[in-house]
N, C-alpha and C. Protein backbone atom coordinates (compact mmCIF):
# COMPACT_ATOMS: atom_id res chain seq x y z
N UNK A 1 -27.76 -14.17 10.44
CA UNK A 1 -26.40 -14.30 10.90
C UNK A 1 -26.07 -13.32 12.01
N UNK A 2 -27.01 -12.52 12.42
CA UNK A 2 -26.71 -11.49 13.40
C UNK A 2 -25.95 -12.08 14.58
N UNK A 3 -24.77 -11.55 14.83
CA UNK A 3 -24.00 -11.90 16.01
C UNK A 3 -23.85 -10.60 16.79
N UNK A 4 -24.26 -10.62 18.01
CA UNK A 4 -24.14 -9.40 18.80
C UNK A 4 -23.34 -9.71 20.05
N UNK A 5 -22.32 -8.92 20.27
CA UNK A 5 -21.49 -9.04 21.44
C UNK A 5 -21.39 -7.66 22.07
N UNK A 6 -21.44 -7.59 23.37
CA UNK A 6 -21.28 -6.29 24.02
C UNK A 6 -20.20 -6.39 25.09
N UNK A 7 -19.48 -5.28 25.22
CA UNK A 7 -18.37 -5.22 26.16
C UNK A 7 -18.43 -3.88 26.91
N UNK A 8 -18.29 -3.95 28.21
CA UNK A 8 -18.21 -2.75 29.03
C UNK A 8 -16.76 -2.57 29.44
N UNK A 9 -16.23 -1.37 29.24
CA UNK A 9 -14.87 -1.05 29.66
C UNK A 9 -14.95 0.12 30.63
N UNK A 10 -14.82 -0.16 31.93
CA UNK A 10 -14.95 0.89 32.93
C UNK A 10 -13.74 1.81 32.97
N UNK A 11 -12.59 1.35 32.46
CA UNK A 11 -11.42 2.22 32.40
C UNK A 11 -11.58 3.26 31.28
N UNK A 12 -12.08 2.80 30.12
CA UNK A 12 -12.26 3.70 28.97
C UNK A 12 -13.63 4.36 28.97
N UNK A 13 -14.50 3.94 29.90
CA UNK A 13 -15.88 4.46 30.01
C UNK A 13 -16.66 4.25 28.71
N UNK A 14 -16.63 3.00 28.21
CA UNK A 14 -17.32 2.69 26.96
C UNK A 14 -18.20 1.44 27.11
N UNK A 15 -19.21 1.41 26.26
CA UNK A 15 -20.04 0.24 26.04
C UNK A 15 -19.99 -0.01 24.54
N UNK A 16 -19.48 -1.16 24.16
CA UNK A 16 -19.28 -1.47 22.74
C UNK A 16 -20.14 -2.66 22.33
N UNK A 17 -20.81 -2.50 21.19
CA UNK A 17 -21.58 -3.58 20.58
C UNK A 17 -20.96 -3.89 19.23
N UNK A 18 -20.81 -5.18 18.95
CA UNK A 18 -20.35 -5.61 17.63
C UNK A 18 -21.43 -6.56 17.09
N UNK A 19 -21.92 -6.23 15.90
CA UNK A 19 -22.94 -7.05 15.26
C UNK A 19 -22.48 -7.36 13.84
N UNK A 20 -22.83 -8.54 13.36
CA UNK A 20 -22.45 -8.95 12.01
C UNK A 20 -23.72 -9.31 11.26
N UNK A 21 -23.77 -8.88 9.98
CA UNK A 21 -24.98 -9.05 9.19
C UNK A 21 -24.66 -9.60 7.80
N UNK A 22 -25.60 -10.37 7.27
CA UNK A 22 -25.53 -10.85 5.89
C UNK A 22 -26.10 -9.78 4.97
N UNK A 23 -25.46 -8.64 4.93
CA UNK A 23 -25.87 -7.53 4.08
C UNK A 23 -24.66 -6.62 3.90
N UNK A 24 -24.65 -5.89 2.81
CA UNK A 24 -23.52 -5.01 2.52
C UNK A 24 -23.51 -3.81 3.47
N UNK A 25 -22.34 -3.18 3.65
CA UNK A 25 -22.30 -1.96 4.46
C UNK A 25 -23.25 -0.88 3.93
N UNK A 26 -23.43 -0.81 2.61
CA UNK A 26 -24.35 0.17 2.04
C UNK A 26 -25.77 -0.10 2.52
N UNK A 27 -26.16 -1.37 2.55
CA UNK A 27 -27.52 -1.71 3.01
C UNK A 27 -27.68 -1.43 4.50
N UNK A 28 -26.69 -1.76 5.30
CA UNK A 28 -26.77 -1.51 6.74
C UNK A 28 -26.78 0.00 7.00
N UNK A 29 -26.05 0.76 6.20
CA UNK A 29 -26.03 2.22 6.32
C UNK A 29 -27.44 2.79 6.21
N UNK A 30 -28.24 2.24 5.30
CA UNK A 30 -29.61 2.72 5.10
C UNK A 30 -30.43 2.63 6.38
N UNK A 31 -30.12 1.65 7.23
CA UNK A 31 -30.85 1.50 8.49
C UNK A 31 -30.62 2.67 9.43
N UNK A 32 -29.51 3.37 9.25
CA UNK A 32 -29.19 4.54 10.08
C UNK A 32 -29.72 5.84 9.50
N UNK A 33 -29.79 5.95 8.19
CA UNK A 33 -30.13 7.25 7.59
C UNK A 33 -31.59 7.37 7.16
N UNK A 34 -32.29 6.27 7.01
CA UNK A 34 -33.71 6.31 6.65
C UNK A 34 -34.53 6.23 7.94
N UNK A 35 -35.21 7.31 8.33
CA UNK A 35 -35.90 7.30 9.62
C UNK A 35 -36.98 6.23 9.74
N UNK A 36 -37.62 5.86 8.65
CA UNK A 36 -38.66 4.82 8.72
C UNK A 36 -38.04 3.46 9.00
N UNK A 37 -36.85 3.19 8.47
CA UNK A 37 -36.16 1.94 8.80
C UNK A 37 -35.60 1.99 10.21
N UNK A 38 -35.07 3.14 10.60
CA UNK A 38 -34.52 3.32 11.94
C UNK A 38 -35.60 3.08 13.00
N UNK A 39 -36.82 3.52 12.72
CA UNK A 39 -37.92 3.31 13.66
C UNK A 39 -38.23 1.84 13.87
N UNK A 40 -37.90 1.02 12.91
CA UNK A 40 -38.22 -0.41 13.01
C UNK A 40 -37.28 -1.16 13.95
N UNK A 41 -36.14 -0.52 14.30
CA UNK A 41 -35.22 -1.24 15.19
C UNK A 41 -34.69 -0.41 16.35
N UNK A 42 -34.69 0.91 16.28
CA UNK A 42 -34.14 1.71 17.37
C UNK A 42 -35.09 1.64 18.55
N UNK A 43 -34.66 1.04 19.59
CA UNK A 43 -35.48 0.81 20.77
C UNK A 43 -35.85 -0.65 20.87
N UNK A 44 -36.00 -1.16 22.09
CA UNK A 44 -36.40 -2.55 22.26
C UNK A 44 -37.80 -2.77 21.66
N UNK A 45 -38.15 -4.02 21.38
CA UNK A 45 -39.45 -4.31 20.77
C UNK A 45 -40.64 -3.74 21.54
N UNK A 46 -40.55 -3.68 22.87
CA UNK A 46 -41.67 -3.15 23.65
C UNK A 46 -41.64 -1.63 23.79
N UNK A 47 -40.59 -0.99 23.25
CA UNK A 47 -40.45 0.47 23.30
C UNK A 47 -40.07 1.00 21.92
N UNK A 48 -40.93 0.85 20.91
CA UNK A 48 -40.56 1.29 19.56
C UNK A 48 -40.36 2.80 19.48
N UNK A 49 -39.51 3.19 18.55
CA UNK A 49 -39.17 4.61 18.37
C UNK A 49 -39.99 5.24 17.25
N UNK A 50 -40.23 6.53 17.40
CA UNK A 50 -40.82 7.36 16.36
C UNK A 50 -39.88 8.55 16.17
N UNK A 51 -39.33 8.69 14.96
CA UNK A 51 -38.44 9.81 14.69
C UNK A 51 -39.25 10.97 14.13
N UNK A 52 -39.27 12.07 14.86
CA UNK A 52 -40.00 13.27 14.47
C UNK A 52 -39.17 14.06 13.47
N UNK A 53 -37.87 14.17 13.72
CA UNK A 53 -36.91 14.83 12.84
C UNK A 53 -35.70 13.91 12.73
N UNK A 54 -35.09 13.89 11.54
CA UNK A 54 -33.89 13.07 11.37
C UNK A 54 -33.07 13.68 10.24
N UNK A 55 -31.95 14.30 10.60
CA UNK A 55 -31.10 14.99 9.63
C UNK A 55 -29.66 14.52 9.82
N UNK A 56 -29.33 13.32 9.28
CA UNK A 56 -28.00 12.75 9.50
C UNK A 56 -26.91 13.37 8.62
N UNK A 57 -26.57 14.61 8.96
CA UNK A 57 -25.46 15.34 8.34
C UNK A 57 -24.67 15.97 9.48
N UNK A 58 -23.38 16.30 9.27
CA UNK A 58 -22.64 16.95 10.35
C UNK A 58 -23.38 18.21 10.83
N UNK A 59 -23.62 18.28 12.12
CA UNK A 59 -24.36 19.39 12.70
C UNK A 59 -25.86 19.17 12.69
N UNK A 60 -26.34 18.13 11.99
CA UNK A 60 -27.76 17.83 11.94
C UNK A 60 -28.25 17.23 13.25
N UNK A 61 -29.56 17.17 13.36
CA UNK A 61 -30.15 16.72 14.62
C UNK A 61 -31.29 15.74 14.35
N UNK A 62 -31.48 14.85 15.28
CA UNK A 62 -32.63 13.95 15.28
C UNK A 62 -33.36 14.13 16.60
N UNK A 63 -34.67 14.09 16.52
CA UNK A 63 -35.52 14.09 17.70
C UNK A 63 -36.46 12.90 17.57
N UNK A 64 -36.58 12.15 18.64
CA UNK A 64 -37.42 10.97 18.60
C UNK A 64 -38.02 10.72 19.98
N UNK A 65 -38.97 9.82 20.01
CA UNK A 65 -39.48 9.34 21.29
C UNK A 65 -39.75 7.85 21.15
N UNK A 66 -39.67 7.16 22.26
CA UNK A 66 -40.01 5.73 22.31
C UNK A 66 -41.29 5.62 23.12
N UNK A 67 -42.17 4.73 22.68
CA UNK A 67 -43.46 4.55 23.33
C UNK A 67 -43.48 3.20 24.03
N UNK A 68 -43.74 3.24 25.33
CA UNK A 68 -43.76 2.02 26.13
C UNK A 68 -45.07 1.25 26.01
N UNK A 69 -45.11 0.09 26.63
CA UNK A 69 -46.28 -0.77 26.52
C UNK A 69 -47.56 -0.18 27.10
N UNK A 70 -47.43 0.75 28.01
CA UNK A 70 -48.60 1.39 28.62
C UNK A 70 -48.88 2.76 27.99
N UNK A 71 -48.20 3.06 26.87
CA UNK A 71 -48.41 4.33 26.18
C UNK A 71 -47.51 5.45 26.68
N UNK A 72 -46.68 5.18 27.68
CA UNK A 72 -45.77 6.21 28.18
C UNK A 72 -44.70 6.51 27.13
N UNK A 73 -44.17 7.73 27.16
CA UNK A 73 -43.17 8.15 26.17
C UNK A 73 -41.88 8.57 26.85
N UNK A 74 -40.78 8.24 26.18
CA UNK A 74 -39.46 8.66 26.62
C UNK A 74 -38.79 9.30 25.41
N UNK A 75 -38.43 10.57 25.53
CA UNK A 75 -37.86 11.31 24.40
C UNK A 75 -36.35 11.25 24.36
N UNK A 76 -35.83 11.43 23.15
CA UNK A 76 -34.38 11.46 22.97
C UNK A 76 -34.00 12.35 21.79
N UNK A 77 -32.72 12.67 21.73
CA UNK A 77 -32.19 13.48 20.63
C UNK A 77 -30.79 13.01 20.29
N UNK A 78 -30.40 13.26 19.04
CA UNK A 78 -29.03 13.04 18.58
C UNK A 78 -28.56 14.33 17.93
N UNK A 79 -27.30 14.66 18.12
CA UNK A 79 -26.64 15.75 17.41
C UNK A 79 -25.46 15.11 16.68
N UNK A 80 -25.51 15.12 15.34
CA UNK A 80 -24.47 14.45 14.55
C UNK A 80 -23.19 15.29 14.53
N UNK A 81 -22.07 14.63 14.84
CA UNK A 81 -20.78 15.32 14.82
C UNK A 81 -19.98 14.98 13.58
N UNK A 82 -20.19 13.78 13.02
CA UNK A 82 -19.58 13.44 11.73
C UNK A 82 -20.44 12.38 11.06
N UNK A 83 -20.44 12.43 9.74
CA UNK A 83 -21.20 11.47 8.95
C UNK A 83 -20.37 11.14 7.72
N UNK A 84 -20.02 9.87 7.58
CA UNK A 84 -19.27 9.40 6.41
C UNK A 84 -20.14 8.34 5.74
N UNK A 85 -20.86 8.73 4.67
CA UNK A 85 -21.79 7.79 4.05
C UNK A 85 -21.19 6.41 3.81
N UNK A 86 -21.95 5.42 4.22
CA UNK A 86 -21.67 4.00 4.06
C UNK A 86 -20.55 3.48 4.96
N UNK A 87 -19.84 4.38 5.66
CA UNK A 87 -18.75 3.94 6.54
C UNK A 87 -19.09 4.10 8.01
N UNK A 88 -19.81 5.17 8.36
CA UNK A 88 -20.13 5.36 9.76
C UNK A 88 -20.53 6.77 10.11
N UNK A 89 -20.78 6.96 11.40
CA UNK A 89 -21.21 8.27 11.89
C UNK A 89 -20.91 8.38 13.36
N UNK A 90 -20.90 9.61 13.86
CA UNK A 90 -20.75 9.86 15.28
C UNK A 90 -21.82 10.87 15.68
N UNK A 91 -22.28 10.73 16.92
CA UNK A 91 -23.32 11.66 17.39
C UNK A 91 -23.34 11.70 18.91
N UNK A 92 -23.80 12.82 19.43
CA UNK A 92 -24.10 12.95 20.84
C UNK A 92 -25.54 12.49 21.01
N UNK A 93 -25.83 11.85 22.13
CA UNK A 93 -27.12 11.22 22.35
C UNK A 93 -27.61 11.59 23.75
N UNK A 94 -28.83 12.14 23.82
CA UNK A 94 -29.35 12.53 25.12
C UNK A 94 -30.84 12.30 25.24
N UNK A 95 -31.35 12.58 26.41
CA UNK A 95 -32.76 12.45 26.72
C UNK A 95 -33.44 13.80 26.52
N UNK A 96 -34.74 13.76 26.25
CA UNK A 96 -35.50 15.01 26.12
C UNK A 96 -36.85 14.83 26.79
N UNK A 97 -37.49 15.96 27.03
CA UNK A 97 -38.84 15.95 27.57
C UNK A 97 -39.85 15.74 26.45
N UNK A 98 -41.13 15.72 26.78
CA UNK A 98 -42.16 15.49 25.78
C UNK A 98 -42.20 16.56 24.69
N UNK A 99 -41.65 17.73 24.98
CA UNK A 99 -41.62 18.82 24.00
C UNK A 99 -40.38 18.77 23.11
N UNK A 100 -39.51 17.75 23.29
CA UNK A 100 -38.31 17.62 22.49
C UNK A 100 -37.12 18.41 23.00
N UNK A 101 -37.31 19.19 24.06
CA UNK A 101 -36.22 19.98 24.63
C UNK A 101 -35.31 19.06 25.44
N UNK A 102 -33.98 19.13 25.21
CA UNK A 102 -33.06 18.26 25.95
C UNK A 102 -33.26 18.36 27.46
N UNK A 103 -33.22 17.20 28.12
CA UNK A 103 -33.33 17.12 29.56
C UNK A 103 -31.92 17.19 30.14
N UNK A 104 -31.55 18.35 30.63
CA UNK A 104 -30.19 18.60 31.12
C UNK A 104 -29.86 17.80 32.38
N UNK A 105 -30.88 17.29 33.08
CA UNK A 105 -30.61 16.52 34.30
C UNK A 105 -30.24 15.07 33.99
N UNK A 106 -30.38 14.67 32.73
CA UNK A 106 -30.04 13.31 32.32
C UNK A 106 -28.72 13.31 31.55
N UNK A 107 -28.02 12.17 31.54
CA UNK A 107 -26.71 12.11 30.88
C UNK A 107 -26.77 12.27 29.36
N UNK A 108 -25.70 12.82 28.82
CA UNK A 108 -25.47 12.84 27.38
C UNK A 108 -24.28 11.93 27.11
N UNK A 109 -24.42 11.06 26.12
CA UNK A 109 -23.33 10.16 25.75
C UNK A 109 -22.84 10.52 24.35
N UNK A 110 -21.75 9.91 23.97
CA UNK A 110 -21.13 10.17 22.66
C UNK A 110 -20.95 8.83 21.96
N UNK A 111 -21.60 8.68 20.81
CA UNK A 111 -21.61 7.39 20.12
C UNK A 111 -20.91 7.45 18.78
N UNK A 112 -20.30 6.33 18.41
CA UNK A 112 -19.72 6.20 17.08
C UNK A 112 -20.15 4.85 16.52
N UNK A 113 -20.43 4.85 15.22
CA UNK A 113 -20.85 3.66 14.51
C UNK A 113 -19.90 3.47 13.34
N UNK A 114 -19.29 2.30 13.25
CA UNK A 114 -18.40 1.98 12.13
C UNK A 114 -18.97 0.78 11.38
N UNK A 115 -19.04 0.90 10.07
CA UNK A 115 -19.51 -0.18 9.21
C UNK A 115 -18.35 -0.60 8.31
N UNK A 116 -18.11 -1.90 8.25
CA UNK A 116 -17.02 -2.39 7.41
C UNK A 116 -17.37 -3.77 6.87
N UNK A 117 -16.85 -4.09 5.68
CA UNK A 117 -17.08 -5.44 5.17
C UNK A 117 -16.51 -6.46 6.16
N UNK A 118 -17.24 -7.54 6.37
CA UNK A 118 -16.82 -8.58 7.29
C UNK A 118 -15.82 -9.49 6.60
N UNK A 119 -14.61 -9.54 7.14
CA UNK A 119 -13.53 -10.36 6.58
C UNK A 119 -13.31 -10.07 5.10
N UNK A 120 -13.46 -8.82 4.71
CA UNK A 120 -13.23 -8.42 3.32
C UNK A 120 -14.35 -8.77 2.36
N UNK A 121 -15.43 -9.37 2.84
CA UNK A 121 -16.55 -9.76 1.98
C UNK A 121 -17.52 -8.57 1.88
N UNK A 122 -17.67 -7.97 0.68
CA UNK A 122 -18.53 -6.79 0.54
C UNK A 122 -20.02 -7.08 0.67
N UNK A 123 -20.41 -8.35 0.81
CA UNK A 123 -21.83 -8.69 0.97
C UNK A 123 -22.20 -8.92 2.44
N UNK A 124 -21.22 -8.75 3.33
CA UNK A 124 -21.45 -8.93 4.77
C UNK A 124 -20.86 -7.73 5.51
N UNK A 125 -21.44 -7.42 6.66
CA UNK A 125 -21.03 -6.22 7.39
C UNK A 125 -20.78 -6.51 8.86
N UNK A 126 -19.71 -5.89 9.36
CA UNK A 126 -19.49 -5.82 10.81
C UNK A 126 -19.83 -4.38 11.21
N UNK A 127 -20.75 -4.24 12.15
CA UNK A 127 -21.13 -2.93 12.67
C UNK A 127 -20.64 -2.85 14.11
N UNK A 128 -19.78 -1.87 14.36
CA UNK A 128 -19.26 -1.66 15.70
C UNK A 128 -19.80 -0.33 16.21
N UNK A 129 -20.53 -0.39 17.32
CA UNK A 129 -21.12 0.80 17.93
C UNK A 129 -20.49 0.99 19.30
N UNK A 130 -19.85 2.14 19.49
CA UNK A 130 -19.20 2.45 20.76
C UNK A 130 -19.87 3.66 21.38
N UNK A 131 -20.33 3.50 22.61
CA UNK A 131 -20.90 4.62 23.36
C UNK A 131 -19.91 5.00 24.44
N UNK A 132 -19.55 6.28 24.45
CA UNK A 132 -18.61 6.81 25.45
C UNK A 132 -19.39 7.63 26.49
N UNK A 133 -19.02 7.42 27.73
CA UNK A 133 -19.68 8.09 28.84
C UNK A 133 -18.73 9.12 29.43
N UNK A 134 -19.28 10.11 30.10
CA UNK A 134 -18.47 11.19 30.66
C UNK A 134 -17.91 10.83 32.03
N UNK A 135 -18.49 9.82 32.68
CA UNK A 135 -18.01 9.42 34.01
C UNK A 135 -18.45 7.99 34.29
N UNK A 136 -17.82 7.39 35.28
CA UNK A 136 -18.21 6.05 35.69
C UNK A 136 -19.63 6.08 36.27
N UNK A 137 -19.97 7.15 36.99
CA UNK A 137 -21.33 7.27 37.54
C UNK A 137 -22.36 7.27 36.41
N UNK A 138 -22.06 8.00 35.34
CA UNK A 138 -22.98 8.06 34.20
C UNK A 138 -23.13 6.68 33.55
N UNK A 139 -22.02 6.00 33.36
CA UNK A 139 -22.04 4.65 32.79
C UNK A 139 -22.90 3.73 33.65
N UNK A 140 -22.66 3.75 34.95
CA UNK A 140 -23.40 2.88 35.86
C UNK A 140 -24.88 3.22 35.88
N UNK A 141 -25.22 4.50 35.84
CA UNK A 141 -26.62 4.94 35.86
C UNK A 141 -27.35 4.41 34.64
N UNK A 142 -26.75 4.55 33.46
CA UNK A 142 -27.43 4.11 32.24
C UNK A 142 -27.48 2.58 32.15
N UNK A 143 -26.48 1.91 32.68
CA UNK A 143 -26.56 0.45 32.72
C UNK A 143 -27.68 0.00 33.65
N UNK A 144 -27.84 0.68 34.79
CA UNK A 144 -28.94 0.36 35.71
C UNK A 144 -30.30 0.60 35.06
N UNK A 145 -30.36 1.57 34.15
CA UNK A 145 -31.61 1.86 33.45
C UNK A 145 -31.90 0.84 32.34
N UNK A 146 -30.96 -0.08 32.09
CA UNK A 146 -31.18 -1.14 31.11
C UNK A 146 -30.63 -0.86 29.73
N UNK A 147 -29.69 0.06 29.61
CA UNK A 147 -29.16 0.42 28.29
C UNK A 147 -28.56 -0.78 27.55
N UNK A 148 -27.77 -1.57 28.24
CA UNK A 148 -27.11 -2.70 27.57
C UNK A 148 -28.13 -3.69 27.02
N UNK A 149 -29.09 -4.07 27.85
CA UNK A 149 -30.11 -5.02 27.41
C UNK A 149 -30.99 -4.42 26.32
N UNK A 150 -31.35 -3.16 26.48
CA UNK A 150 -32.19 -2.50 25.49
C UNK A 150 -31.53 -2.41 24.12
N UNK A 151 -30.24 -2.07 24.11
CA UNK A 151 -29.53 -2.00 22.83
C UNK A 151 -29.39 -3.37 22.19
N UNK A 152 -29.15 -4.40 22.98
CA UNK A 152 -29.04 -5.75 22.42
C UNK A 152 -30.37 -6.17 21.80
N UNK A 153 -31.48 -5.88 22.49
CA UNK A 153 -32.79 -6.20 21.93
C UNK A 153 -33.07 -5.40 20.67
N UNK A 154 -32.69 -4.12 20.69
CA UNK A 154 -32.91 -3.27 19.51
C UNK A 154 -32.13 -3.81 18.31
N UNK A 155 -30.86 -4.05 18.51
CA UNK A 155 -30.03 -4.54 17.40
C UNK A 155 -30.45 -5.92 16.94
N UNK A 156 -31.06 -6.68 17.82
CA UNK A 156 -31.55 -8.00 17.45
C UNK A 156 -32.69 -7.96 16.45
N UNK A 157 -33.27 -6.79 16.23
CA UNK A 157 -34.37 -6.62 15.27
C UNK A 157 -33.89 -6.33 13.85
N UNK A 158 -32.61 -6.03 13.71
CA UNK A 158 -32.09 -5.58 12.41
C UNK A 158 -32.15 -6.67 11.34
N UNK A 159 -31.81 -7.87 11.69
CA UNK A 159 -31.76 -8.95 10.68
C UNK A 159 -33.07 -9.09 9.94
N UNK A 160 -34.20 -9.04 10.65
CA UNK A 160 -35.50 -9.17 10.00
C UNK A 160 -35.74 -8.04 9.00
N UNK A 161 -35.27 -6.85 9.32
CA UNK A 161 -35.44 -5.71 8.40
C UNK A 161 -34.60 -5.94 7.15
N UNK A 162 -33.40 -6.45 7.33
CA UNK A 162 -32.51 -6.69 6.19
C UNK A 162 -33.07 -7.77 5.25
N UNK A 163 -33.91 -8.65 5.77
CA UNK A 163 -34.50 -9.70 4.94
C UNK A 163 -35.65 -9.20 4.08
N UNK A 164 -36.21 -8.04 4.44
CA UNK A 164 -37.33 -7.46 3.65
C UNK A 164 -36.88 -7.08 2.26
């Protein structure tokens, strides 16, 4: 049942994804907090993620890298700002070098994830993911790098995981 819609708002400097799943918010929550499940969908199919560290608590940090089809790696990090089990989380998201150190020359974004029963049905979930950018230039740069398409492909992998 995965429905994915994305919206760019250049006035609010946001990229929003809304996805709907035939699974409870508790089950969808597990996809965010279990690093082995997160690895199965974070990143497009041709750029799978490997989470080296994953500590989804306020102030906690995640370090990961995605591996491309030619073996190239692109690193990233998250710094969690809030975590509300089964309801959602917020985090800062940035790029890192191969050593896991944040790459200060690349943009940092601010993301929020909200999980809620779909139309009041506790067996279905609406997941709303909003990424906030610091400037229009930053938004445009990440869109040019394929962020919108990459996130849609990544989220498109979730349904198969939920069926396991």
